[in-house]
Protein backbone atom coordinates (compact mmCIF):
# COMPACT_ATOMS: atom_id res chain seq x y z
CA MET A 1 -32.39 15.59 26.11
CA ASN A 2 -31.10 12.09 26.87
CA ASN A 3 -27.97 10.30 25.02
CA LEU A 4 -30.04 8.70 22.48
CA GLU A 5 -31.72 11.68 21.56
CA LEU A 6 -28.71 13.33 21.24
CA VAL A 7 -27.02 10.91 18.99
CA GLU A 8 -30.03 10.82 16.91
CA GLU A 9 -29.91 14.36 16.15
CA TYR A 10 -25.87 14.16 15.47
CA LYS A 11 -27.22 11.25 13.02
CA LYS A 12 -29.31 13.76 11.22
CA PHE A 13 -26.98 16.43 11.09
CA ILE A 14 -24.11 14.13 9.24
CA SER A 15 -26.73 12.55 7.29
CA PHE A 16 -28.34 15.93 5.92
CA GLU A 17 -25.82 18.44 6.68
CA LYS A 18 -22.65 17.17 6.05
CA ARG A 19 -24.08 14.58 3.68
CA LEU A 20 -21.75 11.70 4.61
CA SER A 21 -22.30 8.40 2.89
CA PRO A 22 -24.32 5.47 4.53
CA SER A 23 -21.19 3.68 5.39
CA SER A 24 -19.74 6.55 6.95
CA ILE A 25 -22.52 7.64 8.81
CA LYS A 26 -22.76 3.50 9.87
CA ASN A 27 -19.17 3.86 10.88
CA TYR A 28 -19.48 7.22 13.31
CA LEU A 29 -22.53 5.71 14.84
CA ARG A 30 -20.44 2.54 15.73
CA ASP A 31 -17.75 4.36 16.97
CA ILE A 32 -20.01 6.64 19.10
CA ASN A 33 -21.92 3.56 20.66
CA GLU A 34 -18.76 2.27 21.63
CA LEU A 35 -18.00 5.24 23.53
CA LEU A 36 -21.09 5.01 25.30
CA LYS A 37 -20.83 1.07 25.91
CA LEU A 38 -17.36 1.91 27.78
CA ASN A 39 -18.92 4.71 29.82
CA GLU A 40 -21.72 2.82 30.91
CA ASN A 41 -24.07 5.39 29.05
CA LYS A 42 -23.37 8.19 31.35
CA GLU A 43 -24.97 11.44 29.96
CA LEU A 44 -22.73 12.95 27.54
CA ASN A 45 -22.55 16.49 29.18
CA SER A 46 -20.53 14.72 32.22
CA TYR A 47 -17.64 13.31 29.92
CA ARG A 48 -14.19 14.40 31.01
CA LEU A 49 -10.62 14.50 29.41
CA GLU A 50 -9.66 11.90 31.92
CA ASP A 51 -12.69 9.40 30.56
CA ILE A 52 -11.32 9.64 27.36
CA ARG A 53 -7.86 9.07 28.22
CA LYS A 54 -9.21 6.05 30.18
CA ASN A 55 -11.24 4.67 27.26
CA ILE A 56 -8.49 4.98 24.78
CA SER A 57 -5.71 3.36 27.51
CA MET A 58 -8.36 0.46 27.78
CA LEU A 59 -9.05 -0.37 23.91
CA HIS A 60 -5.26 -0.04 23.30
CA SER A 61 -4.60 -2.90 25.98
CA ARG A 62 -7.40 -4.80 24.17
CA GLY A 63 -5.07 -4.64 21.10
CA LEU A 64 -6.63 -2.01 19.40
CA GLY A 65 -3.68 -0.45 16.99
CA GLY A 66 -3.03 3.60 16.52
CA LYS A 67 -5.15 3.49 13.35
CA SER A 68 -8.28 2.52 14.82
CA LEU A 69 -8.26 4.48 17.89
CA SER A 70 -7.27 7.60 15.49
CA ARG A 71 -10.68 6.89 13.90
CA LEU A 72 -12.43 6.54 17.51
CA LEU A 73 -10.98 9.68 18.46
CA SER A 74 -11.74 11.43 15.36
CA SER A 75 -15.74 10.07 15.59
CA TRP A 76 -15.86 11.38 19.19
CA ARG A 77 -14.55 14.58 18.46
CA GLY A 78 -17.21 14.99 15.72
CA LEU A 79 -19.85 14.39 18.12
CA PHE A 80 -18.56 16.86 20.74
CA ASN A 81 -18.13 19.78 18.59
CA PHE A 82 -21.52 19.16 17.53
CA LEU A 83 -22.64 19.22 20.95
CA ILE A 84 -21.02 22.38 21.89
CA ASP A 85 -22.09 23.97 18.79
CA GLN A 86 -25.92 22.99 18.72
CA HIS A 87 -26.57 22.06 22.70
CA LYS A 88 -23.98 24.58 24.49
CA PHE A 89 -21.74 21.89 25.90
CA LYS A 90 -19.11 23.61 27.55
CA LYS A 91 -16.13 21.65 26.44
CA ASN A 92 -14.77 19.11 24.12
CA PRO A 93 -13.19 16.17 26.51
CA THR A 94 -11.26 14.40 23.34
CA LEU A 95 -9.19 17.66 22.68
CA GLY A 96 -5.31 17.45 23.32
CA ILE A 97 -5.61 13.36 23.06
CA LYS A 98 -3.75 11.50 20.45
CA ALA A 99 -4.03 7.93 20.00
CA PRO A 100 -0.75 5.87 20.27
CA LYS A 101 1.34 5.52 17.30
CA SER A 102 0.89 2.15 15.31
CA LYS A 103 3.87 -0.17 15.29
CA LYS A 104 5.11 0.24 11.58
CA LEU A 105 5.28 -2.76 9.72
CA LEU A 106 8.55 -3.67 7.49
CA PRO A 107 7.57 -4.54 4.05
CA GLN A 108 7.78 -8.33 3.09
CA THR A 109 10.67 -8.94 0.70
CA LEU A 110 11.88 -11.69 -1.30
CA SER A 111 15.71 -12.30 -1.45
CA VAL A 112 17.54 -12.13 -4.48
CA ASP A 113 17.63 -15.85 -5.17
CA GLN A 114 13.94 -16.05 -4.67
CA THR A 115 13.34 -13.19 -6.90
CA LEU A 116 15.47 -14.81 -9.96
CA LYS A 117 13.79 -18.19 -9.32
CA LEU A 118 10.20 -16.52 -9.43
CA ILE A 119 11.01 -14.49 -12.61
CA ASP A 120 13.05 -17.23 -14.32
CA ILE A 121 10.21 -18.36 -16.65
CA LYS A 122 10.82 -20.46 -19.68
CA GLU A 123 7.77 -21.21 -21.27
CA ASN A 124 7.35 -19.78 -24.92
CA SER A 125 3.40 -19.97 -24.83
CA PHE A 126 1.55 -16.61 -25.27
CA LEU A 127 0.94 -16.71 -21.52
CA GLY A 128 4.61 -17.44 -20.43
CA ILE A 129 5.99 -14.75 -22.93
CA ARG A 130 3.89 -12.13 -21.54
CA ASP A 131 4.06 -12.94 -17.69
CA HIS A 132 7.82 -13.14 -18.18
CA ALA A 133 7.94 -9.66 -19.44
CA ILE A 134 5.53 -8.58 -16.71
CA LEU A 135 7.54 -9.93 -14.03
CA GLU A 136 11.18 -8.84 -15.10
CA LEU A 137 9.71 -5.39 -15.72
CA PHE A 138 8.31 -5.36 -12.11
CA TYR A 139 11.67 -6.44 -10.64
CA SER A 140 13.69 -4.19 -13.07
CA SER A 141 11.88 -0.87 -12.53
CA GLY A 142 10.06 -0.95 -9.44
CA LEU A 143 6.90 -0.13 -10.91
CA ARG A 144 3.50 0.25 -8.83
CA LEU A 145 0.96 -1.98 -10.11
CA SER A 146 -1.02 0.54 -11.81
CA GLU A 147 1.78 1.70 -13.73
CA LEU A 148 2.39 -1.16 -15.30
CA VAL A 149 -1.23 -1.60 -16.01
CA ASN A 150 -1.42 1.58 -17.82
CA LEU A 151 2.15 1.42 -19.47
CA ASN A 152 1.88 2.42 -23.15
CA GLN A 153 4.59 1.00 -26.06
CA ASN A 154 5.45 4.39 -26.61
CA GLY A 155 6.71 5.16 -23.42
CA ILE A 156 9.41 2.47 -23.82
CA ASN A 157 12.64 3.64 -25.15
CA PHE A 158 14.83 0.70 -26.00
CA ASP A 159 17.84 2.83 -27.17
CA ASP A 160 18.20 4.77 -23.81
CA GLY A 161 17.13 1.96 -21.67
CA THR A 162 14.17 3.97 -20.07
CA ILE A 163 10.63 4.09 -19.53
CA SER A 164 8.16 7.03 -18.88
CA VAL A 165 5.38 6.24 -16.55
CA ILE A 166 2.48 7.76 -14.86
CA GLY A 167 2.79 7.84 -11.39
CA LYS A 168 0.37 8.98 -8.17
CA GLY A 169 -1.00 12.24 -8.99
CA ASP A 170 -0.82 11.85 -12.60
CA LYS A 171 3.11 12.67 -12.39
CA GLU A 172 5.50 11.35 -15.15
CA ARG A 173 8.73 9.78 -13.94
CA VAL A 174 11.63 8.15 -16.11
CA VAL A 175 13.00 4.98 -14.76
CA PRO A 176 15.65 2.73 -16.12
CA LEU A 177 14.97 -0.50 -18.03
CA GLY A 178 17.19 -3.30 -17.29
CA SER A 179 18.29 -5.58 -19.94
CA PHE A 180 16.93 -8.69 -19.18
CA ALA A 181 13.58 -6.92 -18.88
CA SER A 182 14.27 -5.17 -22.34
CA ILE A 183 14.74 -8.38 -24.05
CA ALA A 184 11.62 -9.96 -22.45
CA ILE A 185 9.31 -7.06 -23.78
CA LYS A 186 10.83 -7.21 -27.11
CA LYS A 187 9.93 -10.99 -27.17
CA TRP A 188 6.50 -9.99 -26.20
CA ILE A 189 6.08 -7.32 -28.38
CA GLY A 190 6.68 -9.50 -31.28
CA GLU A 191 4.15 -12.02 -29.79
CA ARG A 192 1.55 -9.01 -28.99
CA LYS A 193 1.30 -8.41 -32.97
CA ASN A 194 -0.62 -12.26 -33.05
CA ILE A 195 -3.28 -10.96 -31.04
CA TYR A 196 -6.49 -11.72 -33.16
CA GLY A 197 -8.44 -8.60 -34.00
CA LEU A 198 -5.83 -6.37 -32.36
CA GLU A 199 -6.81 -2.42 -33.10
CA SER A 200 -3.99 -0.66 -34.35
CA ASN A 201 -4.37 2.24 -32.10
CA ASN A 202 -4.11 0.08 -29.10
CA LYS A 203 -0.91 0.92 -27.17
CA ILE A 204 -1.26 -0.61 -24.27
CA LEU A 205 1.34 -2.57 -23.80
CA PHE A 206 -0.18 -5.70 -21.91
CA LEU A 207 -3.01 -7.71 -23.23
CA SER A 208 -5.23 -10.39 -22.84
CA LYS A 209 -5.38 -13.35 -25.62
CA TYR A 210 -8.67 -10.92 -26.86
CA GLY A 211 -6.67 -7.47 -27.00
CA LYS A 212 -8.03 -6.30 -23.95
CA LYS A 213 -6.21 -4.14 -21.32
CA LEU A 214 -5.12 -6.37 -18.43
CA THR A 215 -6.92 -5.76 -14.84
CA PRO A 216 -4.90 -5.22 -11.73
CA ARG A 217 -6.53 -8.39 -10.49
CA ALA A 218 -5.58 -10.50 -13.48
CA ILE A 219 -1.83 -9.31 -12.71
CA GLN A 220 -2.57 -10.44 -9.40
CA TYR A 221 -3.54 -13.73 -10.27
CA ARG A 222 -0.93 -14.40 -12.64
CA LEU A 223 1.86 -13.68 -10.27
CA LYS A 224 0.19 -16.13 -7.37
CA PHE A 225 0.01 -18.84 -10.53
CA TRP A 226 3.94 -18.48 -11.51
CA ALA A 227 4.66 -18.46 -7.79
CA ILE A 228 3.44 -21.99 -7.19
CA LYS A 229 4.51 -23.11 -10.27
CA GLN A 230 7.87 -21.96 -9.67
CA GLY A 231 7.89 -23.29 -5.99
CA ILE A 232 8.19 -19.73 -3.85
CA PRO A 233 6.28 -20.44 -0.67
CA GLU A 234 5.84 -16.54 0.05
CA ASN A 235 2.57 -14.89 -0.48
CA ILE A 236 3.68 -12.97 -3.96
CA HIS A 237 1.68 -9.84 -5.05
CA PRO A 238 2.78 -6.97 -7.16
CA HIS A 239 4.13 -4.78 -4.73
CA LEU A 240 6.40 -7.42 -3.29
CA LEU A 241 8.42 -7.17 -6.23
CA ARG A 242 8.76 -3.52 -5.76
CA HIS A 243 9.82 -3.94 -2.29
CA SER A 244 11.99 -6.27 -3.28
CA PHE A 245 13.48 -4.08 -6.01
CA ALA A 246 13.98 -0.94 -3.58
CA SER A 247 15.81 -3.41 -0.81
CA HIS A 248 17.94 -5.09 -3.17
CA LEU A 249 18.92 -1.67 -4.52
CA LEU A 250 19.53 -0.08 -1.26
CA GLN A 251 21.53 -3.17 -0.09
CA SER A 252 23.52 -2.66 -3.40
CA SER A 253 23.81 0.95 -3.75
CA GLN A 254 23.43 2.58 -0.22
CA ASP A 255 21.80 5.60 -2.16
CA LEU A 256 18.51 6.33 -0.47
CA ARG A 257 17.94 9.45 -2.63
CA ALA A 258 18.49 7.46 -5.72
CA VAL A 259 15.93 4.74 -4.48
CA GLN A 260 13.37 7.49 -3.69
CA GLU A 261 13.35 9.04 -7.38
CA LEU A 262 13.27 5.85 -8.72
CA LEU A 263 10.13 4.78 -6.55
CA GLY A 264 8.51 7.98 -7.19
CA HIS A 265 8.09 8.78 -3.62
CA GLU A 266 7.59 12.45 -2.96
CA ASN A 267 8.72 12.39 0.64
CA ILE A 268 12.02 10.37 1.82
CA SER A 269 10.58 9.11 4.69
CA THR A 270 8.28 7.06 2.80
CA THR A 271 11.57 5.72 1.29
CA GLN A 272 13.45 5.52 4.50
CA ILE A 273 11.33 2.29 5.68
CA TYR A 274 13.97 0.47 3.47
CA THR A 275 16.72 1.45 5.39
CA HIS A 276 15.40 -0.78 8.04
CA LEU A 277 15.26 -3.80 6.00
CA ASP A 278 18.95 -2.84 4.83
CA PHE A 279 19.84 -2.71 8.56
CA GLN A 280 18.39 -6.14 9.06
CA HIS A 281 20.57 -7.49 6.23
CA LEU A 282 23.35 -5.90 7.52
CA SER A 283 22.92 -7.43 10.95
CA LYS A 284 22.66 -10.80 9.69
CA ILE A 285 25.91 -10.51 8.06
CA TYR A 286 27.29 -9.18 10.98
CA ASP A 287 26.09 -11.96 13.11
CA LYS A 288 27.58 -14.35 10.87
CA THR A 289 30.93 -13.02 10.39
CA HIS A 290 31.97 -10.64 13.00
CA PRO A 291 34.38 -12.65 15.67
CA ARG A 292 32.55 -11.01 18.66
CA ALA A 293 28.99 -11.45 17.47
CA LYS A 294 29.38 -15.26 17.01
CA LYS A 295 27.88 -17.29 19.93
CA LYS A 296 30.24 -19.96 21.67
């Protein structure tokens, strides 16, 4: 069988045996066509380890990152495993090859001054009061967007200054509620009572003018609105406030474990990216203040 026939047979296999979605099948076939194109459609049973390594190296030099290369290797590996199983191919030329690691991008953060400027909303309108409480809470407690959207009034303990949230994997965690956020939320709860037709059993904290639960997109839109209004030039999104919360806390406390617990990270390696941000902060201080760091 030629290459086209083998690929067509593999397509039937992942369609009917593996029952992959149409979009997944399309992605697999695109990756396999890329392999054939790179090797000028040479017969699949003649591929060697050196060919695959050369292909990966070539694509990497063109700018493809580690994640994209890993996906390609996974698609190619699946094809050759099928050919070994169904067509007695002797070996899988992709085995033992790993994609280059992607360069880790540090999360963007706001400075303390930028953050305080963003959340300093003075408007006493319905939206102003609500959005002020949302922004204060994001920065006070480092919540994920999904956690804030689903936050229930019963999860707030003003006496203890804590909030119970349901994070990833439906795991509950308790995080501190800052005093500024507490004041803003109390003011919002007073305004929330005035929503026309509000059902008494609706305990979701943040609602629209019509008593509907806010969508993640609606909150994203409101953050961008306030960024423009408050004169913040950055691309503001909810996770940016979470990053800023973590970075500012780590700069002050140097307690990585505490930051991990507050963010609800299962693995501390996820939290460690903020140590790089903290080091950048310390480096700037060093460059500005240390006598031997100053350029003549």
